[in-house]
Amino acid sequence: MAMEAAEIERLIKEGLPDAEVYIEDLRGDGDHYAARVVSKAFIGKSRVQQHQMVYAALKGSMDQALHALGLQTSAPEDA
């Protein structure tokens, strides 16, 4: 089951309201994406914690509708 890039962005922004989200559909199949997420909520968090915050915002989509998501996260001053 494929997932639209706009839906991924909506879920991330719902979980991290200040986030700047850039989504790239890597294969054009709606199943393999790369996402770059910049948020003040990441300040003081490790890279693992940042990724966990994004995965939490996706509300289980990684286990169901979304097959692969390359994730790059940073706080605004690190972007």
C-alpha atoms as a PDB file:
ATOM      1  CA  MET A   1       0.000   0.000   0.000  1.00  0.00           C
ATOM      2  CA  ALA A   2       1.520   3.312  -1.090  1.00  0.00           C
ATOM      3  CA  MET A   3       1.387   6.574   0.832  1.00  0.00           C
ATOM      4  CA  GLU A   4       1.252  10.091  -0.624  1.00  0.00           C
ATOM      5  CA  ALA A   5       4.077  12.520   0.173  1.00  0.00           C
ATOM      6  CA  ALA A   6       1.510  15.109   1.274  1.00  0.00           C
ATOM      7  CA  GLU A   7       0.158  12.659   3.869  1.00  0.00           C
ATOM      8  CA  ILE A   8       3.649  12.032   5.257  1.00  0.00           C
ATOM      9  CA  GLU A   9       4.234  15.775   5.502  1.00  0.00           C
ATOM     10  CA  ARG A  10       0.830  16.323   7.139  1.00  0.00           C
ATOM     11  CA  LEU A  11       1.477  13.687   9.810  1.00  0.00           C
ATOM     12  CA  ILE A  12       4.951  15.013  10.598  1.00  0.00           C
ATOM     13  CA  LYS A  13       3.680  18.605  10.855  1.00  0.00           C
ATOM     14  CA  GLU A  14       0.808  17.437  13.046  1.00  0.00           C
ATOM     15  CA  GLY A  15       3.310  15.859  15.458  1.00  0.00           C
ATOM     16  CA  LEU A  16       5.939  18.600  15.125  1.00  0.00           C
ATOM     17  CA  PRO A  17       3.960  21.774  14.332  1.00  0.00           C
ATOM     18  CA  ASP A  18       6.988  24.039  13.776  1.00  0.00           C
ATOM     19  CA  ALA A  19       8.737  21.556  11.481  1.00  0.00           C
ATOM     20  CA  GLU A  20       9.974  22.354   8.022  1.00  0.00           C
ATOM     21  CA  VAL A  21       9.442  19.155   6.042  1.00  0.00           C
ATOM     22  CA  TYR A  22      10.899  18.292   2.660  1.00  0.00           C
ATOM     23  CA  ILE A  23       9.768  15.022   1.079  1.00  0.00           C
ATOM     24  CA  GLU A  24      11.304  13.351  -1.979  1.00  0.00           C
ATOM     25  CA  ASP A  25       9.683  10.340  -3.654  1.00  0.00           C
ATOM     26  CA  LEU A  26      12.817   8.357  -4.494  1.00  0.00           C
ATOM     27  CA  ARG A  27      11.319   5.904  -6.993  1.00  0.00           C
ATOM     28  CA  GLY A  28       8.065   7.564  -7.972  1.00  0.00           C
ATOM     29  CA  ASP A  29       6.178   4.595  -6.550  1.00  0.00           C
ATOM     30  CA  GLY A  30       4.802   6.248  -3.414  1.00  0.00           C
ATOM     31  CA  ASP A  31       6.592   3.660  -1.332  1.00  0.00           C
ATOM     32  CA  HIS A  32      10.210   4.842  -1.031  1.00  0.00           C
ATOM     33  CA  TYR A  33      10.760   8.349   0.317  1.00  0.00           C
ATOM     34  CA  ALA A  34      13.482  10.558   1.725  1.00  0.00           C
ATOM     35  CA  ALA A  35      12.469  13.177   4.263  1.00  0.00           C
ATOM     36  CA  ARG A  36      14.391  16.103   5.691  1.00  0.00           C
ATOM     37  CA  VAL A  37      12.833  17.503   8.856  1.00  0.00           C
ATOM     38  CA  VAL A  38      14.022  20.645  10.656  1.00  0.00           C
ATOM     39  CA  SER A  39      12.415  21.509  13.997  1.00  0.00           C
ATOM     40  CA  LYS A  40      13.188  23.446  17.179  1.00  0.00           C
ATOM     41  CA  ALA A  41      11.811  20.410  19.032  1.00  0.00           C
ATOM     42  CA  PHE A  42      15.053  18.613  18.119  1.00  0.00           C
ATOM     43  CA  ILE A  43      17.252  21.009  20.099  1.00  0.00           C
ATOM     44  CA  GLY A  44      19.177  19.046  22.734  1.00  0.00           C
ATOM     45  CA  LYS A  45      17.979  15.702  21.339  1.00  0.00           C
ATOM     46  CA  SER A  46      20.233  12.993  19.958  1.00  0.00           C
ATOM     47  CA  ARG A  47      19.821  11.963  16.316  1.00  0.00           C
ATOM     48  CA  VAL A  48      18.135   8.749  17.488  1.00  0.00           C
ATOM     49  CA  GLN A  49      15.680  10.720  19.634  1.00  0.00           C
ATOM     50  CA  GLN A  50      14.959  13.050  16.699  1.00  0.00           C
ATOM     51  CA  HIS A  51      14.167  10.106  14.442  1.00  0.00           C
ATOM     52  CA  GLN A  52      11.989   8.526  17.134  1.00  0.00           C
ATOM     53  CA  MET A  53      10.003  11.789  17.329  1.00  0.00           C
ATOM     54  CA  VAL A  54       9.385  11.706  13.563  1.00  0.00           C
ATOM     55  CA  TYR A  55       8.422   8.025  13.629  1.00  0.00           C
ATOM     56  CA  ALA A  56       6.015   8.745  16.496  1.00  0.00           C
ATOM     57  CA  ALA A  57       4.447  11.533  14.431  1.00  0.00           C
ATOM     58  CA  LEU A  58       3.889   9.032  11.609  1.00  0.00           C
ATOM     59  CA  LYS A  59       1.632   7.043  13.969  1.00  0.00           C
ATOM     60  CA  GLY A  60       2.598   3.569  12.844  1.00  0.00           C
ATOM     61  CA  SER A  61       2.650   4.306   9.104  1.00  0.00           C
ATOM     62  CA  MET A  62       6.166   2.860   8.868  1.00  0.00           C
ATOM     63  CA  ASP A  63       4.759  -0.544   9.749  1.00  0.00           C
ATOM     64  CA  GLN A  64       1.832  -0.386   7.339  1.00  0.00           C
ATOM     65  CA  ALA A  65       1.479   2.072   4.433  1.00  0.00           C
ATOM     66  CA  LEU A  66       5.061   3.313   4.168  1.00  0.00           C
ATOM     67  CA  HIS A  67       7.767   0.872   3.104  1.00  0.00           C
ATOM     68  CA  ALA A  68      10.948   2.973   3.283  1.00  0.00           C
ATOM     69  CA  LEU A  69      11.758   6.431   4.594  1.00  0.00           C
ATOM     70  CA  GLY A  70      15.302   7.799   4.512  1.00  0.00           C
ATOM     71  CA  LEU A  71      15.303  10.324   7.310  1.00  0.00           C
ATOM     72  CA  GLN A  72      17.505  13.371   7.875  1.00  0.00           C
ATOM     73  CA  THR A  73      16.702  15.525  10.905  1.00  0.00           C
ATOM     74  CA  SER A  74      18.208  18.622  12.471  1.00  0.00           C
ATOM     75  CA  ALA A  75      17.502  21.588  14.694  1.00  0.00           C
ATOM     76  CA  PRO A  76      17.267  24.946  12.847  1.00  0.00           C
ATOM     77  CA  GLU A  77      20.743  26.132  13.878  1.00  0.00           C
ATOM     78  CA  ASP A  78      22.235  22.870  12.602  1.00  0.00           C
ATOM     79  CA  ALA A  79      20.389  22.925   9.241  1.00  0.00           C
END
